[in-house]
Amino acid sequence: MDFFEILSYLFMLLYSLFGIGCALIFISVLIIYCQCRTMTIFLVFNSIIAGFIVNIVCVCQVMYQLTSDGNDKLCVLRGFLIESGCGLLYHTFCVQAFYRLFSTISKRREYLQSKCSIIFIVLLQWLISFTFGLPILIGDRIKFQMDYRICQISMHDLYGFIYFSIWIYIFPLIIIIGIYIRVLIYIKQNPYCLVIHQNIFQ
């Protein structure tokens, strides 16, 4: 490894540890202060847990990259967890967008805003986030990349690369943008609706 490669790994380690620390602080505050336990905070907590998992996996990955060639028995599993973790994080943002849609536009359908409905959506999101990468894992498409000292989908594996790109980035991004455009259009059409303004404030 050259100097800049080691430096990049150390920065990744530092930022991952910082992310873990921030997540632990948020979790501690949530445990201590019961008044913070609202549905909005629950959805933020969902994203915090996802970020915590991603940072833990990144710390493990960097440690192996710094101490070995990275191609050990758990390399493929770490590659899978990094990809799934990134998808998990973006999928939690989708759930937050859905909750904003339910609490703004679908105010007459109160069952969509209920704790049971939101918890079901969160559990469904976790199930999707940890299973969408299984076809790639089972198909043995996650390979050790010598140049980056990490196990991941090769840029030459067009199917795997596009598949992960859609599930991790494109699919959540389209959903989030579509939902917030719909919310903004609704707010523009109903500028004097007090309920909407209260929901946005929350």
C-alpha atoms as a PDB file:
ATOM      1  CA  MET A   1       0.000   0.000   0.000  1.00  0.00           C
ATOM      2  CA  ASP A   2       1.214   3.510  -0.761  1.00  0.00           C
ATOM      3  CA  PHE A   3       0.893   6.493   1.568  1.00  0.00           C
ATOM      4  CA  PHE A   4      -2.310   7.897   0.053  1.00  0.00           C
ATOM      5  CA  GLU A   5      -4.020   4.521   0.165  1.00  0.00           C
ATOM      6  CA  ILE A   6      -3.193   4.127   3.859  1.00  0.00           C
ATOM      7  CA  LEU A   7      -4.339   7.707   4.484  1.00  0.00           C
ATOM      8  CA  SER A   8      -7.695   7.068   2.774  1.00  0.00           C
ATOM      9  CA  TYR A   9      -8.219   3.926   4.870  1.00  0.00           C
ATOM     10  CA  LEU A  10      -7.417   5.857   8.048  1.00  0.00           C
ATOM     11  CA  PHE A  11      -9.880   8.613   7.104  1.00  0.00           C
ATOM     12  CA  MET A  12     -12.531   5.986   6.419  1.00  0.00           C
ATOM     13  CA  LEU A  13     -11.817   4.421   9.810  1.00  0.00           C
ATOM     14  CA  LEU A  14     -11.976   7.806  11.547  1.00  0.00           C
ATOM     15  CA  TYR A  15     -15.285   8.808   9.943  1.00  0.00           C
ATOM     16  CA  SER A  16     -16.814   5.388  10.589  1.00  0.00           C
ATOM     17  CA  LEU A  17     -15.854   5.599  14.276  1.00  0.00           C
ATOM     18  CA  PHE A  18     -17.301   9.118  14.383  1.00  0.00           C
ATOM     19  CA  GLY A  19     -20.549   7.799  12.867  1.00  0.00           C
ATOM     20  CA  ILE A  20     -20.690   5.025  15.472  1.00  0.00           C
ATOM     21  CA  GLY A  21     -20.140   7.574  18.254  1.00  0.00           C
ATOM     22  CA  CYS A  22     -22.927   9.850  16.974  1.00  0.00           C
ATOM     23  CA  ALA A  23     -25.307   6.897  16.696  1.00  0.00           C
ATOM     24  CA  LEU A  24     -24.556   5.820  20.270  1.00  0.00           C
ATOM     25  CA  ILE A  25     -25.156   9.380  21.543  1.00  0.00           C
ATOM     26  CA  PHE A  26     -28.528   9.534  19.775  1.00  0.00           C
ATOM     27  CA  ILE A  27     -29.539   6.120  21.143  1.00  0.00           C
ATOM     28  CA  SER A  28     -28.491   7.183  24.664  1.00  0.00           C
ATOM     29  CA  VAL A  29     -30.575  10.370  24.454  1.00  0.00           C
ATOM     30  CA  LEU A  30     -33.555   8.364  23.238  1.00  0.00           C
ATOM     31  CA  ILE A  31     -33.231   5.935  26.165  1.00  0.00           C
ATOM     32  CA  ILE A  32     -32.878   8.711  28.779  1.00  0.00           C
ATOM     33  CA  TYR A  33     -35.571  11.099  27.541  1.00  0.00           C
ATOM     34  CA  CYS A  34     -38.928   9.344  27.185  1.00  0.00           C
ATOM     35  CA  GLN A  35     -40.625  12.463  25.759  1.00  0.00           C
ATOM     36  CA  CYS A  36     -38.523  12.071  22.599  1.00  0.00           C
ATOM     37  CA  ARG A  37     -40.248   8.819  21.694  1.00  0.00           C
ATOM     38  CA  THR A  38     -42.525  10.038  18.912  1.00  0.00           C
ATOM     39  CA  MET A  39     -43.211   8.342  15.590  1.00  0.00           C
ATOM     40  CA  THR A  40     -40.955  10.807  13.776  1.00  0.00           C
ATOM     41  CA  ILE A  41     -38.090  10.082  16.170  1.00  0.00           C
ATOM     42  CA  PHE A  42     -38.757   6.355  15.764  1.00  0.00           C
ATOM     43  CA  LEU A  43     -38.198   6.689  12.007  1.00  0.00           C
ATOM     44  CA  VAL A  44     -35.036   8.723  12.601  1.00  0.00           C
ATOM     45  CA  PHE A  45     -33.943   5.989  15.032  1.00  0.00           C
ATOM     46  CA  ASN A  46     -34.505   3.485  12.219  1.00  0.00           C
ATOM     47  CA  SER A  47     -32.053   5.428  10.027  1.00  0.00           C
ATOM     48  CA  ILE A  48     -29.591   5.757  12.911  1.00  0.00           C
ATOM     49  CA  ILE A  49     -29.541   1.977  13.406  1.00  0.00           C
ATOM     50  CA  ALA A  50     -28.949   1.502   9.664  1.00  0.00           C
ATOM     51  CA  GLY A  51     -26.080   4.001   9.743  1.00  0.00           C
ATOM     52  CA  PHE A  52     -24.667   2.301  12.832  1.00  0.00           C
ATOM     53  CA  ILE A  53     -24.631  -1.063  11.024  1.00  0.00           C
ATOM     54  CA  VAL A  54     -22.966   0.431   7.929  1.00  0.00           C
ATOM     55  CA  ASN A  55     -20.259   2.086  10.044  1.00  0.00           C
ATOM     56  CA  ILE A  56     -19.575  -1.111  12.013  1.00  0.00           C
ATOM     57  CA  VAL A  57     -19.119  -3.063   8.763  1.00  0.00           C
ATOM     58  CA  CYS A  58     -16.895  -0.303   7.354  1.00  0.00           C
ATOM     59  CA  VAL A  59     -14.685  -0.384  10.462  1.00  0.00           C
ATOM     60  CA  CYS A  60     -14.308  -4.164  10.101  1.00  0.00           C
ATOM     61  CA  GLN A  61     -13.525  -3.787   6.410  1.00  0.00           C
ATOM     62  CA  VAL A  62     -10.885  -1.090   6.980  1.00  0.00           C
ATOM     63  CA  MET A  63      -9.227  -3.111   9.740  1.00  0.00           C
ATOM     64  CA  TYR A  64      -8.820  -6.043   7.360  1.00  0.00           C
ATOM     65  CA  GLN A  65      -7.584  -3.776   4.580  1.00  0.00           C
ATOM     66  CA  LEU A  66      -4.923  -2.317   6.869  1.00  0.00           C
ATOM     67  CA  THR A  67      -3.788  -5.578   8.470  1.00  0.00           C
ATOM     68  CA  SER A  68      -4.089  -8.097   5.617  1.00  0.00           C
ATOM     69  CA  ASP A  69      -4.760  -8.350   1.898  1.00  0.00           C
ATOM     70  CA  GLY A  70      -8.505  -8.307   2.655  1.00  0.00           C
ATOM     71  CA  ASN A  71      -9.171 -11.615   0.919  1.00  0.00           C
ATOM     72  CA  ASP A  72     -10.111 -13.777   3.901  1.00  0.00           C
ATOM     73  CA  LYS A  73     -13.018 -16.164   4.446  1.00  0.00           C
ATOM     74  CA  LEU A  74     -15.347 -13.330   5.498  1.00  0.00           C
ATOM     75  CA  CYS A  75     -14.424 -10.977   2.660  1.00  0.00           C
ATOM     76  CA  VAL A  76     -17.454 -11.850   0.528  1.00  0.00           C
ATOM     77  CA  LEU A  77     -19.758 -11.559   3.551  1.00  0.00           C
ATOM     78  CA  ARG A  78     -18.373  -8.102   4.385  1.00  0.00           C
ATOM     79  CA  GLY A  79     -18.851  -7.043   0.778  1.00  0.00           C
ATOM     80  CA  PHE A  80     -22.448  -8.251   0.899  1.00  0.00           C
ATOM     81  CA  LEU A  81     -23.068  -6.458   4.225  1.00  0.00           C
ATOM     82  CA  ILE A  82     -21.615  -3.189   2.945  1.00  0.00           C
ATOM     83  CA  GLU A  83     -23.866  -3.264  -0.135  1.00  0.00           C
ATOM     84  CA  SER A  84     -26.923  -4.341   1.871  1.00  0.00           C
ATOM     85  CA  GLY A  85     -26.159  -1.787   4.581  1.00  0.00           C
ATOM     86  CA  CYS A  86     -26.013   1.064   2.074  1.00  0.00           C
ATOM     87  CA  GLY A  87     -29.319  -0.120   0.624  1.00  0.00           C
ATOM     88  CA  LEU A  88     -30.752  -0.349   4.137  1.00  0.00           C
ATOM     89  CA  LEU A  89     -29.772   3.256   4.888  1.00  0.00           C
ATOM     90  CA  TYR A  90     -31.380   4.631   1.727  1.00  0.00           C
ATOM     91  CA  HIS A  91     -34.468   2.479   2.234  1.00  0.00           C
ATOM     92  CA  THR A  92     -34.986   4.031   5.698  1.00  0.00           C
ATOM     93  CA  PHE A  93     -35.189   7.426   3.977  1.00  0.00           C
ATOM     94  CA  CYS A  94     -37.952   5.986   1.780  1.00  0.00           C
ATOM     95  CA  VAL A  95     -39.913   4.994   4.879  1.00  0.00           C
ATOM     96  CA  GLN A  96     -39.537   8.529   6.264  1.00  0.00           C
ATOM     97  CA  ALA A  97     -40.843   9.910   2.972  1.00  0.00           C
ATOM     98  CA  PHE A  98     -43.830   7.557   3.076  1.00  0.00           C
ATOM     99  CA  TYR A  99     -44.643   8.682   6.628  1.00  0.00           C
ATOM    100  CA  ARG A 100     -44.510  12.335   5.527  1.00  0.00           C
ATOM    101  CA  LEU A 101     -46.888  11.459   2.675  1.00  0.00           C
ATOM    102  CA  PHE A 102     -49.281   9.646   5.028  1.00  0.00           C
ATOM    103  CA  SER A 103     -49.276  12.425   7.618  1.00  0.00           C
ATOM    104  CA  THR A 104     -49.748  15.194   5.049  1.00  0.00           C
ATOM    105  CA  ILE A 105     -51.895  14.033   2.142  1.00  0.00           C
ATOM    106  CA  SER A 106     -53.613  10.962   3.576  1.00  0.00           C
ATOM    107  CA  LYS A 107     -54.823  12.690   6.748  1.00  0.00           C
ATOM    108  CA  ARG A 108     -58.293  11.195   6.320  1.00  0.00           C
ATOM    109  CA  ARG A 109     -56.865   7.673   6.347  1.00  0.00           C
ATOM    110  CA  GLU A 110     -55.633   7.617   9.909  1.00  0.00           C
ATOM    111  CA  TYR A 111     -54.842   3.889   9.799  1.00  0.00           C
ATOM    112  CA  LEU A 112     -51.883   4.711   7.513  1.00  0.00           C
ATOM    113  CA  GLN A 113     -50.412   6.858  10.294  1.00  0.00           C
ATOM    114  CA  SER A 114     -50.987   4.292  13.053  1.00  0.00           C
ATOM    115  CA  LYS A 115     -48.081   2.716  14.903  1.00  0.00           C
ATOM    116  CA  CYS A 116     -48.980  -0.738  13.596  1.00  0.00           C
ATOM    117  CA  SER A 117     -48.883   0.412   9.962  1.00  0.00           C
ATOM    118  CA  ILE A 118     -45.581   2.263  10.354  1.00  0.00           C
ATOM    119  CA  ILE A 119     -43.941  -0.612  12.262  1.00  0.00           C
ATOM    120  CA  PHE A 120     -45.128  -3.027   9.554  1.00  0.00           C
ATOM    121  CA  ILE A 121     -43.593  -0.803   6.854  1.00  0.00           C
ATOM    122  CA  VAL A 122     -40.314  -0.587   8.803  1.00  0.00           C
ATOM    123  CA  LEU A 123     -40.167  -4.374   9.228  1.00  0.00           C
ATOM    124  CA  LEU A 124     -40.939  -4.822   5.528  1.00  0.00           C
ATOM    125  CA  GLN A 125     -38.174  -2.358   4.692  1.00  0.00           C
ATOM    126  CA  TRP A 126     -35.660  -4.345   6.785  1.00  0.00           C
ATOM    127  CA  LEU A 127     -36.738  -7.578   5.110  1.00  0.00           C
ATOM    128  CA  ILE A 128     -36.304  -6.097   1.633  1.00  0.00           C
ATOM    129  CA  SER A 129     -32.987  -4.472   2.560  1.00  0.00           C
ATOM    130  CA  PHE A 130     -31.410  -7.720   3.712  1.00  0.00           C
ATOM    131  CA  THR A 131     -32.793  -9.937   0.946  1.00  0.00           C
ATOM    132  CA  PHE A 132     -32.403  -7.888  -2.235  1.00  0.00           C
ATOM    133  CA  GLY A 133     -28.687  -8.741  -2.389  1.00  0.00           C
ATOM    134  CA  LEU A 134     -29.122 -12.485  -1.878  1.00  0.00           C
ATOM    135  CA  PRO A 135     -29.302 -13.324  -5.629  1.00  0.00           C
ATOM    136  CA  ILE A 136     -25.916 -11.637  -6.079  1.00  0.00           C
ATOM    137  CA  LEU A 137     -24.447 -13.388  -3.029  1.00  0.00           C
ATOM    138  CA  ILE A 138     -25.810 -16.807  -3.988  1.00  0.00           C
ATOM    139  CA  GLY A 139     -24.739 -16.283  -7.598  1.00  0.00           C
ATOM    140  CA  ASP A 140     -21.145 -15.759  -6.363  1.00  0.00           C
ATOM    141  CA  ARG A 141     -20.866 -12.392  -8.110  1.00  0.00           C
ATOM    142  CA  ILE A 142     -19.125 -10.635  -5.212  1.00  0.00           C
ATOM    143  CA  LYS A 143     -15.415 -11.053  -5.952  1.00  0.00           C
ATOM    144  CA  PHE A 144     -12.198  -9.872  -4.351  1.00  0.00           C
ATOM    145  CA  GLN A 145     -10.905  -6.773  -6.170  1.00  0.00           C
ATOM    146  CA  MET A 146      -7.139  -6.678  -5.837  1.00  0.00           C
ATOM    147  CA  ASP A 147      -6.864  -2.994  -6.788  1.00  0.00           C
ATOM    148  CA  TYR A 148      -9.203  -1.881  -3.995  1.00  0.00           C
ATOM    149  CA  ARG A 149      -8.434  -4.727  -1.549  1.00  0.00           C
ATOM    150  CA  ILE A 150     -12.162  -5.282  -1.032  1.00  0.00           C
ATOM    151  CA  CYS A 151     -14.826  -7.785  -2.057  1.00  0.00           C
ATOM    152  CA  GLN A 152     -17.480  -6.183  -4.228  1.00  0.00           C
ATOM    153  CA  ILE A 153     -19.269  -6.410  -7.540  1.00  0.00           C
ATOM    154  CA  SER A 154     -16.850  -5.959 -10.409  1.00  0.00           C
ATOM    155  CA  MET A 155     -17.418  -2.996 -12.718  1.00  0.00           C
ATOM    156  CA  HIS A 156     -17.201  -5.521 -15.563  1.00  0.00           C
ATOM    157  CA  ASP A 157     -20.131  -7.511 -14.149  1.00  0.00           C
ATOM    158  CA  LEU A 158     -22.796  -5.406 -15.839  1.00  0.00           C
ATOM    159  CA  TYR A 159     -25.783  -7.358 -14.493  1.00  0.00           C
ATOM    160  CA  GLY A 160     -24.628  -7.285 -10.876  1.00  0.00           C
ATOM    161  CA  PHE A 161     -23.543  -3.636 -11.046  1.00  0.00           C
ATOM    162  CA  ILE A 162     -26.859  -2.459 -12.534  1.00  0.00           C
ATOM    163  CA  TYR A 163     -28.853  -4.680 -10.161  1.00  0.00           C
ATOM    164  CA  PHE A 164     -27.190  -3.230  -7.047  1.00  0.00           C
ATOM    165  CA  SER A 165     -27.321   0.318  -8.450  1.00  0.00           C
ATOM    166  CA  ILE A 166     -31.068   0.064  -8.963  1.00  0.00           C
ATOM    167  CA  TRP A 167     -31.821  -1.429  -5.541  1.00  0.00           C
ATOM    168  CA  ILE A 168     -29.415   0.720  -3.524  1.00  0.00           C
ATOM    169  CA  TYR A 169     -29.592   4.135  -5.221  1.00  0.00           C
ATOM    170  CA  ILE A 170     -31.970   4.532  -8.162  1.00  0.00           C
ATOM    171  CA  PHE A 171     -35.074   2.820  -6.737  1.00  0.00           C
ATOM    172  CA  PRO A 172     -35.022   4.698  -3.367  1.00  0.00           C
ATOM    173  CA  LEU A 173     -34.151   7.983  -5.065  1.00  0.00           C
ATOM    174  CA  ILE A 174     -37.078   7.751  -7.493  1.00  0.00           C
ATOM    175  CA  ILE A 175     -39.470   6.938  -4.630  1.00  0.00           C
ATOM    176  CA  ILE A 176     -38.212   9.787  -2.409  1.00  0.00           C
ATOM    177  CA  ILE A 177     -38.270  12.383  -5.200  1.00  0.00           C
ATOM    178  CA  GLY A 178     -41.717  11.237  -6.366  1.00  0.00           C
ATOM    179  CA  ILE A 179     -43.198  11.376  -2.865  1.00  0.00           C
ATOM    180  CA  TYR A 180     -41.842  14.828  -2.031  1.00  0.00           C
ATOM    181  CA  ILE A 181     -42.916  16.238  -5.406  1.00  0.00           C
ATOM    182  CA  ARG A 182     -46.424  14.916  -4.665  1.00  0.00           C
ATOM    183  CA  VAL A 183     -46.354  16.486  -1.188  1.00  0.00           C
ATOM    184  CA  LEU A 184     -45.163  19.846  -2.555  1.00  0.00           C
ATOM    185  CA  ILE A 185     -47.868  19.853  -5.253  1.00  0.00           C
ATOM    186  CA  TYR A 186     -50.494  19.085  -2.617  1.00  0.00           C
ATOM    187  CA  ILE A 187     -49.238  21.884  -0.356  1.00  0.00           C
ATOM    188  CA  LYS A 188     -49.267  24.324  -3.282  1.00  0.00           C
ATOM    189  CA  GLN A 189     -52.859  23.365  -4.083  1.00  0.00           C
ATOM    190  CA  ASN A 190     -53.919  23.636  -0.416  1.00  0.00           C
ATOM    191  CA  PRO A 191     -51.876  26.544   0.990  1.00  0.00           C
ATOM    192  CA  TYR A 192     -54.314  27.376   3.788  1.00  0.00           C
ATOM    193  CA  CYS A 193     -54.708  23.893   5.224  1.00  0.00           C
ATOM    194  CA  LEU A 194     -53.768  24.187   8.898  1.00  0.00           C
ATOM    195  CA  VAL A 195     -53.271  20.443   9.310  1.00  0.00           C
ATOM    196  CA  ILE A 196     -50.612  20.382   6.632  1.00  0.00           C
ATOM    197  CA  HIS A 197     -48.691  23.233   8.227  1.00  0.00           C
ATOM    198  CA  GLN A 198     -48.833  21.471  11.591  1.00  0.00           C
ATOM    199  CA  ASN A 199     -47.544  18.234  10.043  1.00  0.00           C
ATOM    200  CA  ILE A 200     -44.679  20.048   8.309  1.00  0.00           C
ATOM    201  CA  PHE A 201     -43.762  21.772  11.572  1.00  0.00           C
ATOM    202  CA  GLN A 202     -43.623  18.407  13.331  1.00  0.00           C
END
